[in-house]
Amino acid sequence: MGAGKSRLGPEIAQRLGRPFVDVDREIEDRHGAIADLFRERGEPAFREIEVEVVGDVCARREPVVVAVGGGAVETRGLLDRTDTFVVHLDVDVGTAWDRVRGSERPLAQDEAEFRRRYERRRPLYAEAAHAVARDADDVVLAAAGIDVGVGALELLASAVPAGDVSLVTDPHVAGIHGATAQLALGERLQSTHELPPGEAAKAPDVAERLWRDLRLDRRGTLVALGGGSVTDVAGFVAATYLRGIAWVAVPTTLVGQVDAAIGGKTALDLPEGKNLVGAFHWPAATVIDPALLQTLPERERREGMAEVVKTGLLAGEPLWELPDVDLVRRCAAFKAAVSLRDPFDRGERAMLNLGHTFAHALEAAGGYEQVTHGSAVALGLLAALRLSGRPTDVVERTLGPTPVRVDRERAWAALQRDKKRGLVLLADDGPRVDVRLPEAEVRAALDTLIAD
């Protein structure tokens, strides 16, 4: 009681794109006021009604967010269902009491009894819950299987499904974090595989080499430790090896932690364009340790900040101003929510491509070597904001993009191939996807990003 379930539930449901049901309200709609039920029929009768209502709600075919009364854990087996994901919305007893004191709640009339029930229920919450949360972001992250926390890398094994493990990384990351990951995985680690650094990892021949080197069976798990390129190729290999095995993303870069490793999209590059081959394969877990960002050189941090600014523009909040742990957590939760609402990128998830139509064109025109992803996204955001008729000062001040030297015709050809779904632009009330503009206007915007 007093944890905030009824207050946060509608927000969580909206962010996940699901209906919301408050069990207590559902009970009152069917049987009258809960206070009257307790007074006239007693708590045992109320618990029987609660079992009936929770069973009806959980039997629905569509996914739903449900706020269940705190006492539900005292009805053994009520929350022990294979088709539910249980989150304990944690709150200290003093705060909970302050929120419910003076109310008509039958079990909140006596503070001493309230505190006794709280202590009795705490171990039951720990037993029933798959995750613990304090706010809506925590719930969204838990629903997406994302663990954000300083020191998470050292606890990696607890996030990896049972069975043998193969670790995929690149030489640079292996030299910094590889030993910690290997120590965390322990005897379960069957093999380690190194990919070329950067975008070169996302070539089809690299994926083929990894397919042929793996010795995992269908119960094995691929762990991807590295930046966005590592998680992209490892996730794609996991999606296709033995027709699909589990994988765990462990992003070590800012761009990976706020964007690339979240949402289950995996991809390889072709000479004709970026991310033209891929699969949707949601990780069994995504383990994000913001402490790993301390080892990033400044240029790598700038790469990731382009995705942070993009996310902040979409969310309508200056997320780029937050300290690292909060910045990563908020950005990851935003992308996770969008991806859960549209897991196969058939609708609103396209908003995450803000600036990326131009960015991918610049990268392709530079052969994926001349122009880094972060600098391309920064330029792409400039173009998108200009076409949206919106100020560009945040991008210029935070990212400082400068035009790049690439072949204009090659960039335009790549853009035409990539923009088949239209552009993503920003309006006063949020993003607009699949926006169609005259080719001359789009070409002019692209040309401003290319140096003479």
Protein backbone atom coordinates (compact mmCIF):
# COMPACT_ATOMS: atom_id res chain seq x y z
CA MET A 1 0.00 0.00 0.00
CA GLY A 2 1.17 3.48 -0.82
CA ALA A 3 3.90 2.37 -3.22
CA GLY A 4 2.42 4.44 -6.06
CA LYS A 5 1.08 1.61 -8.24
CA SER A 6 -2.16 3.38 -9.15
CA ARG A 7 -0.30 6.61 -9.90
CA LEU A 8 2.52 5.11 -11.98
CA GLY A 9 0.51 2.33 -13.60
CA PRO A 10 -1.22 4.48 -16.25
CA GLU A 11 2.11 6.12 -17.20
CA ILE A 12 3.83 2.75 -17.53
CA ALA A 13 0.95 1.39 -19.61
CA GLN A 14 1.04 4.41 -21.91
CA ARG A 15 4.79 4.09 -22.40
CA LEU A 16 4.48 0.38 -23.20
CA GLY A 17 1.44 0.86 -25.42
CA ARG A 18 -0.78 -1.43 -23.32
CA PRO A 19 -4.08 -1.15 -21.44
CA PHE A 20 -3.98 -0.52 -17.69
CA VAL A 21 -6.03 -2.33 -15.06
CA ASP A 22 -6.09 -1.47 -11.36
CA VAL A 23 -7.27 -4.63 -9.59
CA ASP A 24 -8.68 -2.73 -6.60
CA ARG A 25 -10.80 -0.55 -8.89
CA GLU A 26 -11.89 -3.60 -10.85
CA ILE A 27 -13.01 -5.23 -7.60
CA GLU A 28 -14.95 -2.14 -6.59
CA ASP A 29 -16.65 -2.01 -10.00
CA ARG A 30 -17.82 -5.60 -9.53
CA HIS A 31 -18.48 -5.80 -5.79
CA GLY A 32 -18.64 -2.31 -4.29
CA ALA A 33 -16.30 -0.41 -2.00
CA ILE A 34 -13.38 -2.43 -0.62
CA ALA A 35 -13.88 -0.92 2.83
CA ASP A 36 -17.43 -2.29 2.83
CA LEU A 37 -16.23 -5.71 1.66
CA PHE A 38 -13.76 -5.92 4.55
CA ARG A 39 -16.32 -4.76 7.06
CA GLU A 40 -19.18 -6.97 5.89
CA ARG A 41 -17.38 -10.10 4.65
CA GLY A 42 -13.84 -9.93 6.07
CA GLU A 43 -10.37 -10.11 4.55
CA PRO A 44 -10.56 -13.84 3.54
CA ALA A 45 -13.57 -13.13 1.33
CA PHE A 46 -11.78 -10.14 -0.21
CA ARG A 47 -8.76 -12.35 -1.05
CA GLU A 48 -11.05 -14.84 -2.81
CA ILE A 49 -12.49 -12.04 -4.93
CA GLU A 50 -8.95 -10.79 -5.63
CA VAL A 51 -7.94 -14.22 -6.94
CA GLU A 52 -10.94 -14.22 -9.26
CA VAL A 53 -10.23 -10.74 -10.65
CA VAL A 54 -6.49 -11.23 -11.10
CA GLY A 55 -7.15 -14.51 -12.88
CA ASP A 56 -9.60 -12.84 -15.26
CA VAL A 57 -7.19 -10.00 -16.03
CA CYS A 58 -4.19 -12.25 -16.62
CA ALA A 59 -6.25 -14.51 -18.89
CA ARG A 60 -6.71 -11.72 -21.44
CA ARG A 61 -5.15 -12.35 -24.83
CA GLU A 62 -3.58 -8.90 -25.14
CA PRO A 63 -0.64 -7.76 -22.98
CA VAL A 64 -1.78 -5.57 -20.11
CA VAL A 65 -0.22 -3.61 -17.24
CA VAL A 66 -1.85 -4.58 -13.94
CA ALA A 67 -1.63 -2.86 -10.55
CA VAL A 68 -2.15 -5.59 -7.96
CA GLY A 69 -2.82 -4.83 -4.30
CA GLY A 70 0.16 -5.25 -2.02
CA GLY A 71 -1.55 -8.03 -0.09
CA ALA A 72 -1.80 -10.25 -3.16
CA VAL A 73 1.50 -11.87 -2.21
CA GLU A 74 -0.20 -13.36 0.83
CA THR A 75 -2.40 -15.46 -1.46
CA ARG A 76 0.09 -18.14 -2.38
CA GLY A 77 0.44 -18.84 -6.07
CA LEU A 78 -1.62 -15.86 -7.20
CA LEU A 79 1.37 -14.20 -8.86
CA ASP A 80 3.21 -17.43 -9.65
CA ARG A 81 2.15 -17.63 -13.29
CA THR A 82 4.27 -18.39 -16.35
CA ASP A 83 2.56 -15.67 -18.41
CA THR A 84 3.19 -12.76 -16.05
CA PHE A 85 6.17 -10.53 -15.32
CA VAL A 86 6.00 -9.25 -11.74
CA VAL A 87 7.64 -5.99 -10.68
CA HIS A 88 7.87 -4.99 -7.03
CA LEU A 89 7.40 -1.22 -6.85
CA ASP A 90 9.51 -0.67 -3.75
CA VAL A 91 8.99 2.07 -1.16
CA ASP A 92 10.11 2.48 2.44
CA VAL A 93 7.51 1.91 5.12
CA GLY A 94 7.56 5.49 6.40
CA THR A 95 6.77 6.93 2.98
CA ALA A 96 4.07 4.33 2.39
CA TRP A 97 2.41 5.11 5.73
CA ASP A 98 2.51 8.86 5.10
CA ARG A 99 0.69 8.29 1.80
CA VAL A 100 -2.13 6.12 3.18
CA ARG A 101 -2.66 7.43 6.73
CA GLY A 102 -6.10 8.91 7.22
CA SER A 103 -7.50 7.08 4.19
CA GLU A 104 -10.37 4.59 4.19
CA ARG A 105 -8.11 1.66 3.38
CA PRO A 106 -9.08 -1.14 5.76
CA LEU A 107 -5.50 -2.21 6.41
CA ALA A 108 -4.18 1.33 6.93
CA GLN A 109 -6.05 2.27 10.10
CA ASP A 110 -3.35 1.37 12.62
CA GLU A 111 0.30 2.32 12.07
CA ALA A 112 1.75 -0.50 14.20
CA GLU A 113 -0.26 -3.11 12.32
CA PHE A 114 0.63 -1.45 9.00
CA ARG A 115 4.33 -1.74 9.81
CA ARG A 116 3.96 -5.37 10.92
CA ARG A 117 2.30 -6.27 7.62
CA TYR A 118 5.00 -4.44 5.71
CA GLU A 119 7.75 -6.49 7.36
CA ARG A 120 5.81 -9.74 6.91
CA ARG A 121 5.29 -9.07 3.22
CA ARG A 122 8.81 -7.94 2.31
CA PRO A 123 10.26 -11.46 1.86
CA LEU A 124 7.14 -12.45 -0.07
CA TYR A 125 7.67 -9.52 -2.47
CA ALA A 126 11.29 -10.64 -3.00
CA GLU A 127 10.10 -14.17 -3.73
CA ALA A 128 7.32 -13.18 -6.14
CA ALA A 129 9.01 -10.38 -8.09
CA HIS A 130 11.12 -10.76 -11.21
CA ALA A 131 12.40 -7.19 -10.78
CA VAL A 132 12.39 -4.32 -8.29
CA ALA A 133 11.57 -0.76 -9.36
CA ARG A 134 11.20 2.69 -7.83
CA ASP A 135 9.82 4.61 -10.81
CA ALA A 136 8.36 4.22 -14.29
CA ASP A 137 11.78 4.13 -15.97
CA ASP A 138 12.78 1.20 -13.78
CA VAL A 139 9.65 -0.72 -14.78
CA VAL A 140 10.18 -0.06 -18.50
CA LEU A 141 13.81 -1.18 -18.26
CA ALA A 142 12.81 -4.31 -16.38
CA ALA A 143 10.13 -5.12 -18.96
CA ALA A 144 12.79 -4.85 -21.67
CA GLY A 145 15.26 -7.04 -19.79
CA ILE A 146 17.70 -4.18 -19.30
CA ASP A 147 19.86 -3.88 -16.18
CA VAL A 148 21.51 -0.48 -15.69
CA GLY A 149 23.89 -0.18 -12.77
CA VAL A 150 27.44 0.65 -11.82
CA GLY A 151 29.27 -2.65 -11.33
CA ALA A 152 26.82 -4.63 -13.48
CA LEU A 153 29.64 -6.14 -15.56
CA GLU A 154 31.00 -7.97 -12.53
CA LEU A 155 27.58 -9.58 -12.03
CA LEU A 156 27.23 -10.56 -15.69
CA ALA A 157 26.73 -14.28 -15.06
CA SER A 158 23.48 -13.68 -13.19
CA ALA A 159 21.96 -12.10 -16.34
CA VAL A 160 23.03 -14.87 -18.74
CA PRO A 161 20.67 -17.85 -19.26
CA ALA A 162 21.88 -21.25 -18.07
CA GLY A 163 24.22 -23.13 -20.40
CA ASP A 164 27.52 -22.64 -22.19
CA VAL A 165 28.60 -19.15 -23.23
CA SER A 166 30.70 -17.72 -26.06
CA LEU A 167 32.02 -14.18 -25.66
CA VAL A 168 32.27 -11.88 -28.69
CA THR A 169 34.25 -8.66 -28.45
CA ASP A 170 36.94 -6.65 -30.27
CA PRO A 171 40.66 -6.39 -29.47
CA HIS A 172 40.43 -2.95 -27.85
CA VAL A 173 37.53 -3.80 -25.55
CA ALA A 174 39.03 -7.20 -24.77
CA GLY A 175 42.18 -5.48 -23.50
CA ILE A 176 40.22 -3.24 -21.13
CA HIS A 177 37.15 -5.20 -20.00
CA GLY A 178 37.66 -8.71 -21.36
CA ALA A 179 39.25 -10.13 -18.21
CA THR A 180 36.44 -8.82 -16.01
CA ALA A 181 33.81 -10.37 -18.28
CA GLN A 182 35.65 -13.68 -18.46
CA LEU A 183 36.06 -13.80 -14.70
CA ALA A 184 32.36 -13.02 -14.23
CA LEU A 185 31.30 -15.80 -16.62
CA GLY A 186 33.66 -18.31 -15.01
CA GLU A 187 33.57 -21.96 -16.04
CA ARG A 188 30.54 -21.43 -18.27
CA LEU A 189 32.70 -19.56 -20.80
CA GLN A 190 33.35 -21.97 -23.67
CA SER A 191 35.12 -19.65 -26.14
CA THR A 192 36.08 -16.04 -26.88
CA HIS A 193 35.95 -14.46 -30.34
CA GLU A 194 37.41 -11.14 -31.46
CA LEU A 195 35.94 -9.07 -34.30
CA PRO A 196 37.59 -6.26 -36.27
CA PRO A 197 37.20 -2.87 -34.59
CA GLY A 198 34.49 -0.43 -35.62
CA GLU A 199 32.15 -0.68 -38.59
CA ALA A 200 34.44 -3.23 -40.28
CA ALA A 201 32.97 -5.84 -37.91
CA LYS A 202 29.61 -5.59 -39.67
CA ALA A 203 30.77 -7.20 -42.92
CA PRO A 204 29.12 -10.46 -44.09
CA ASP A 205 32.44 -12.32 -44.16
CA VAL A 206 32.99 -11.47 -40.47
CA ALA A 207 29.60 -12.95 -39.60
CA GLU A 208 30.40 -16.05 -41.63
CA ARG A 209 33.68 -16.52 -39.79
CA LEU A 210 31.88 -16.30 -36.47
CA TRP A 211 29.21 -18.79 -37.56
CA ARG A 212 31.91 -21.27 -38.50
CA ASP A 213 33.95 -20.78 -35.31
CA LEU A 214 31.08 -21.21 -32.84
CA ARG A 215 30.59 -24.55 -31.10
CA LEU A 216 27.53 -23.73 -29.00
CA ASP A 217 24.41 -25.88 -29.02
CA ARG A 218 20.83 -24.58 -29.05
CA ARG A 219 20.96 -23.99 -25.27
CA GLY A 220 24.07 -21.80 -25.52
CA THR A 221 24.26 -18.02 -25.24
CA LEU A 222 26.32 -15.49 -27.18
CA VAL A 223 27.52 -12.55 -25.06
CA ALA A 224 28.38 -9.39 -27.02
CA LEU A 225 30.83 -7.15 -25.17
CA GLY A 226 31.63 -3.95 -27.03
CA GLY A 227 30.24 -1.05 -28.99
CA GLY A 228 27.33 -0.90 -31.40
CA SER A 229 29.15 -2.76 -34.17
CA VAL A 230 29.91 -5.71 -31.89
CA THR A 231 26.34 -5.95 -30.60
CA ASP A 232 24.95 -5.58 -34.13
CA VAL A 233 26.94 -8.44 -35.65
CA ALA A 234 26.83 -10.70 -32.58
CA GLY A 235 23.07 -10.23 -32.30
CA PHE A 236 22.63 -11.06 -35.99
CA VAL A 237 24.80 -14.16 -35.69
CA ALA A 238 22.80 -15.25 -32.62
CA ALA A 239 19.56 -14.74 -34.57
CA THR A 240 20.73 -17.00 -37.39
CA TYR A 241 23.11 -19.56 -35.86
CA LEU A 242 21.28 -22.89 -35.39
CA ARG A 243 18.15 -20.95 -36.43
CA GLY A 244 18.49 -18.74 -33.37
CA ILE A 245 20.17 -18.89 -29.97
CA ALA A 246 20.00 -16.56 -26.98
CA TRP A 247 22.30 -13.59 -26.70
CA VAL A 248 23.16 -10.96 -24.11
CA ALA A 249 24.25 -7.43 -25.02
CA VAL A 250 26.91 -5.76 -22.86
CA PRO A 251 27.51 -2.34 -24.47
CA THR A 252 30.75 -0.61 -23.51
CA THR A 253 30.33 2.66 -25.43
CA LEU A 254 27.97 5.55 -24.86
CA VAL A 255 26.30 5.02 -28.24
CA GLY A 256 25.77 1.37 -27.37
CA GLN A 257 24.41 2.04 -23.89
CA VAL A 258 21.89 4.68 -24.95
CA ASP A 259 20.90 3.33 -28.35
CA ALA A 260 22.62 0.63 -30.41
CA ALA A 261 22.36 -2.30 -27.99
CA ILE A 262 18.69 -1.69 -27.10
CA GLY A 263 15.61 -2.93 -28.91
CA GLY A 264 16.60 -6.16 -30.62
CA LYS A 265 17.55 -4.76 -34.03
CA THR A 266 20.69 -6.41 -35.43
CA ALA A 267 22.40 -5.71 -38.73
CA LEU A 268 25.24 -6.07 -41.20
CA ASP A 269 26.40 -3.55 -43.80
CA LEU A 270 26.64 -4.01 -47.56
CA PRO A 271 28.61 -1.82 -49.98
CA GLU A 272 25.28 -0.43 -51.18
CA GLY A 273 24.22 0.81 -47.77
CA LYS A 274 24.33 0.58 -43.99
CA ASN A 275 22.30 -2.02 -42.06
CA LEU A 276 20.78 -3.53 -45.22
CA VAL A 277 20.91 -7.08 -43.81
CA GLY A 278 19.57 -7.82 -40.35
CA ALA A 279 17.06 -9.45 -38.04
CA PHE A 280 14.91 -8.62 -35.04
CA HIS A 281 16.24 -10.73 -32.18
CA TRP A 282 15.62 -9.33 -28.70
CA PRO A 283 18.47 -10.04 -26.24
CA ALA A 284 17.77 -12.33 -23.31
CA ALA A 285 19.28 -9.47 -21.29
CA THR A 286 21.06 -6.17 -21.83
CA VAL A 287 23.63 -5.41 -19.15
CA ILE A 288 24.61 -1.74 -19.00
CA ASP A 289 27.39 -0.63 -16.67
CA PRO A 290 27.82 3.17 -16.87
CA ALA A 291 31.18 2.84 -15.08
CA LEU A 292 32.62 1.45 -18.33
CA LEU A 293 32.22 4.91 -19.88
CA GLN A 294 35.09 6.17 -17.73
CA THR A 295 37.53 4.41 -20.06
CA LEU A 296 36.17 6.08 -23.20
CA PRO A 297 38.36 8.62 -24.99
CA GLU A 298 36.66 11.97 -25.53
CA ARG A 299 36.13 11.35 -29.26
CA GLU A 300 34.17 8.18 -28.45
CA ARG A 301 32.06 10.06 -25.94
CA ARG A 302 31.20 12.65 -28.59
CA GLU A 303 30.07 9.82 -30.86
CA GLY A 304 27.56 8.68 -28.27
CA MET A 305 26.39 12.18 -27.41
CA ALA A 306 24.88 12.47 -30.89
CA GLU A 307 22.44 9.68 -29.99
CA VAL A 308 21.82 11.28 -26.58
CA VAL A 309 20.88 14.58 -28.22
CA LYS A 310 18.64 12.72 -30.68
CA THR A 311 16.87 10.97 -27.81
CA GLY A 312 16.49 14.20 -25.87
CA LEU A 313 14.98 15.94 -28.90
CA LEU A 314 12.47 13.11 -29.31
CA ALA A 315 11.64 13.05 -25.59
CA GLY A 316 11.45 16.82 -25.37
CA GLU A 317 13.89 16.88 -22.44
CA PRO A 318 17.55 18.05 -22.17
CA LEU A 319 18.83 14.55 -21.39
CA TRP A 320 22.30 15.58 -22.56
CA GLU A 321 22.66 17.72 -19.42
CA LEU A 322 22.33 14.79 -16.97
CA PRO A 323 25.24 13.01 -15.22
CA ASP A 324 26.28 9.75 -16.86
CA VAL A 325 24.28 7.25 -14.80
CA ASP A 326 21.03 9.21 -15.12
CA LEU A 327 21.73 10.09 -18.75
CA VAL A 328 22.22 6.44 -19.72
CA ARG A 329 19.26 5.24 -17.69
CA ARG A 330 16.82 7.82 -19.09
CA CYS A 331 17.93 7.36 -22.70
CA ALA A 332 17.84 3.57 -22.42
CA ALA A 333 14.35 3.66 -20.91
CA PHE A 334 13.08 5.95 -23.68
CA LYS A 335 14.34 3.71 -26.47
CA ALA A 336 13.22 0.57 -24.67
CA ALA A 337 9.66 1.89 -24.37
CA VAL A 338 9.47 2.84 -28.04
CA SER A 339 10.89 -0.54 -29.06
CA LEU A 340 8.46 -2.47 -26.85
CA ARG A 341 5.54 -0.58 -28.36
CA ASP A 342 6.78 -1.34 -31.89
CA PRO A 343 9.14 -4.34 -31.64
CA PHE A 344 9.32 -5.01 -35.40
CA ASP A 345 9.74 -1.40 -36.55
CA ARG A 346 6.43 -1.22 -38.39
CA GLY A 347 5.25 2.12 -37.08
CA GLU A 348 6.29 4.70 -34.51
CA ARG A 349 9.70 3.15 -33.90
CA ALA A 350 10.72 4.92 -37.09
CA MET A 351 11.01 8.08 -34.96
CA LEU A 352 14.35 6.74 -33.71
CA ASN A 353 15.71 7.41 -37.19
CA LEU A 354 15.63 11.17 -36.59
CA GLY A 355 18.65 12.49 -38.51
CA HIS A 356 19.72 9.00 -39.54
CA THR A 357 18.53 9.09 -43.15
CA PHE A 358 21.13 11.80 -43.80
CA ALA A 359 23.66 10.17 -41.48
CA HIS A 360 23.55 6.80 -43.25
CA ALA A 361 23.97 8.53 -46.60
CA LEU A 362 27.10 10.33 -45.42
CA GLU A 363 28.54 7.15 -43.93
CA ALA A 364 27.91 5.16 -47.10
CA ALA A 365 29.39 7.92 -49.26
CA GLY A 366 32.52 7.78 -47.11
CA GLY A 367 32.81 4.02 -47.43
CA TYR A 368 32.10 3.66 -43.68
CA GLU A 369 35.65 4.84 -43.03
CA GLN A 370 35.79 8.58 -43.70
CA VAL A 371 32.78 9.59 -41.59
CA THR A 372 32.11 8.23 -38.10
CA HIS A 373 28.56 7.36 -37.09
CA GLY A 374 28.41 10.01 -34.37
CA SER A 375 29.58 12.85 -36.58
CA ALA A 376 27.19 11.70 -39.31
CA VAL A 377 24.24 11.65 -36.89
CA ALA A 378 25.16 15.13 -35.62
CA LEU A 379 25.04 16.43 -39.19
CA GLY A 380 21.86 14.50 -39.88
CA LEU A 381 20.19 16.13 -36.89
CA LEU A 382 21.14 19.53 -38.27
CA ALA A 383 19.43 18.71 -41.55
CA ALA A 384 16.34 17.25 -39.88
CA LEU A 385 15.92 20.28 -37.61
CA ARG A 386 16.37 22.69 -40.50
CA LEU A 387 13.74 20.86 -42.56
CA SER A 388 11.49 20.89 -39.48
CA GLY A 389 11.88 24.65 -39.18
CA ARG A 390 13.28 24.27 -35.66
CA PRO A 391 16.34 25.80 -33.94
CA THR A 392 19.63 23.97 -34.32
CA ASP A 393 21.49 25.61 -31.44
CA VAL A 394 21.39 22.51 -29.18
CA VAL A 395 23.05 20.36 -31.86
CA GLU A 396 25.61 23.03 -32.72
CA ARG A 397 26.44 23.80 -29.08
CA THR A 398 26.54 20.21 -27.79
CA LEU A 399 27.94 18.36 -30.81
CA GLY A 400 29.70 21.00 -32.91
CA PRO A 401 29.22 19.26 -36.29
CA THR A 402 31.18 20.40 -39.34
CA PRO A 403 30.56 19.48 -43.00
CA VAL A 404 32.40 16.38 -44.25
CA ARG A 405 34.18 15.69 -47.52
CA VAL A 406 32.39 12.87 -49.34
CA ASP A 407 31.14 12.33 -52.86
CA ARG A 408 27.86 14.22 -53.23
CA GLU A 409 26.36 11.92 -55.86
CA ARG A 410 27.19 8.79 -53.91
CA ALA A 411 25.64 10.33 -50.80
CA TRP A 412 22.47 11.27 -52.69
CA ALA A 413 22.17 7.76 -54.17
CA ALA A 414 22.53 6.22 -50.69
CA LEU A 415 19.97 8.63 -49.23
CA GLN A 416 17.42 7.81 -51.92
CA ARG A 417 17.77 4.13 -51.13
CA ASP A 418 17.50 4.68 -47.36
CA LYS A 419 14.58 7.13 -47.33
CA LYS A 420 11.96 4.82 -48.81
CA ARG A 421 9.94 5.26 -45.60
CA GLY A 422 10.25 9.02 -45.71
CA LEU A 423 11.97 11.39 -43.30
CA VAL A 424 11.59 11.85 -39.55
CA LEU A 425 11.02 15.48 -38.59
CA LEU A 426 10.00 17.30 -35.41
CA ALA A 427 6.77 19.23 -34.90
CA ASP A 428 5.66 21.27 -31.90
CA ASP A 429 3.95 18.24 -30.36
CA GLY A 430 6.64 15.66 -31.13
CA PRO A 431 8.13 13.61 -33.97
CA ARG A 432 6.54 12.99 -37.35
CA VAL A 433 7.51 9.86 -39.28
CA ASP A 434 7.34 9.07 -42.99
CA VAL A 435 7.36 12.75 -43.98
CA ARG A 436 7.57 13.28 -47.74
CA LEU A 437 9.26 16.43 -49.00
CA PRO A 438 10.21 17.55 -52.52
CA GLU A 439 13.46 15.94 -53.66
CA ALA A 440 15.04 19.32 -54.37
CA GLU A 441 14.47 20.39 -50.77
CA VAL A 442 15.95 17.17 -49.37
CA ARG A 443 18.91 17.34 -51.76
CA ALA A 444 19.61 20.91 -50.72
CA ALA A 445 19.60 19.93 -47.05
CA LEU A 446 22.04 17.09 -47.78
CA ASP A 447 24.35 19.38 -49.74
CA THR A 448 24.75 21.70 -46.73
CA LEU A 449 26.33 18.79 -44.83
CA ILE A 450 29.02 18.17 -47.44
CA ALA A 451 32.16 20.29 -47.67
CA ASP A 452 33.30 21.64 -51.04
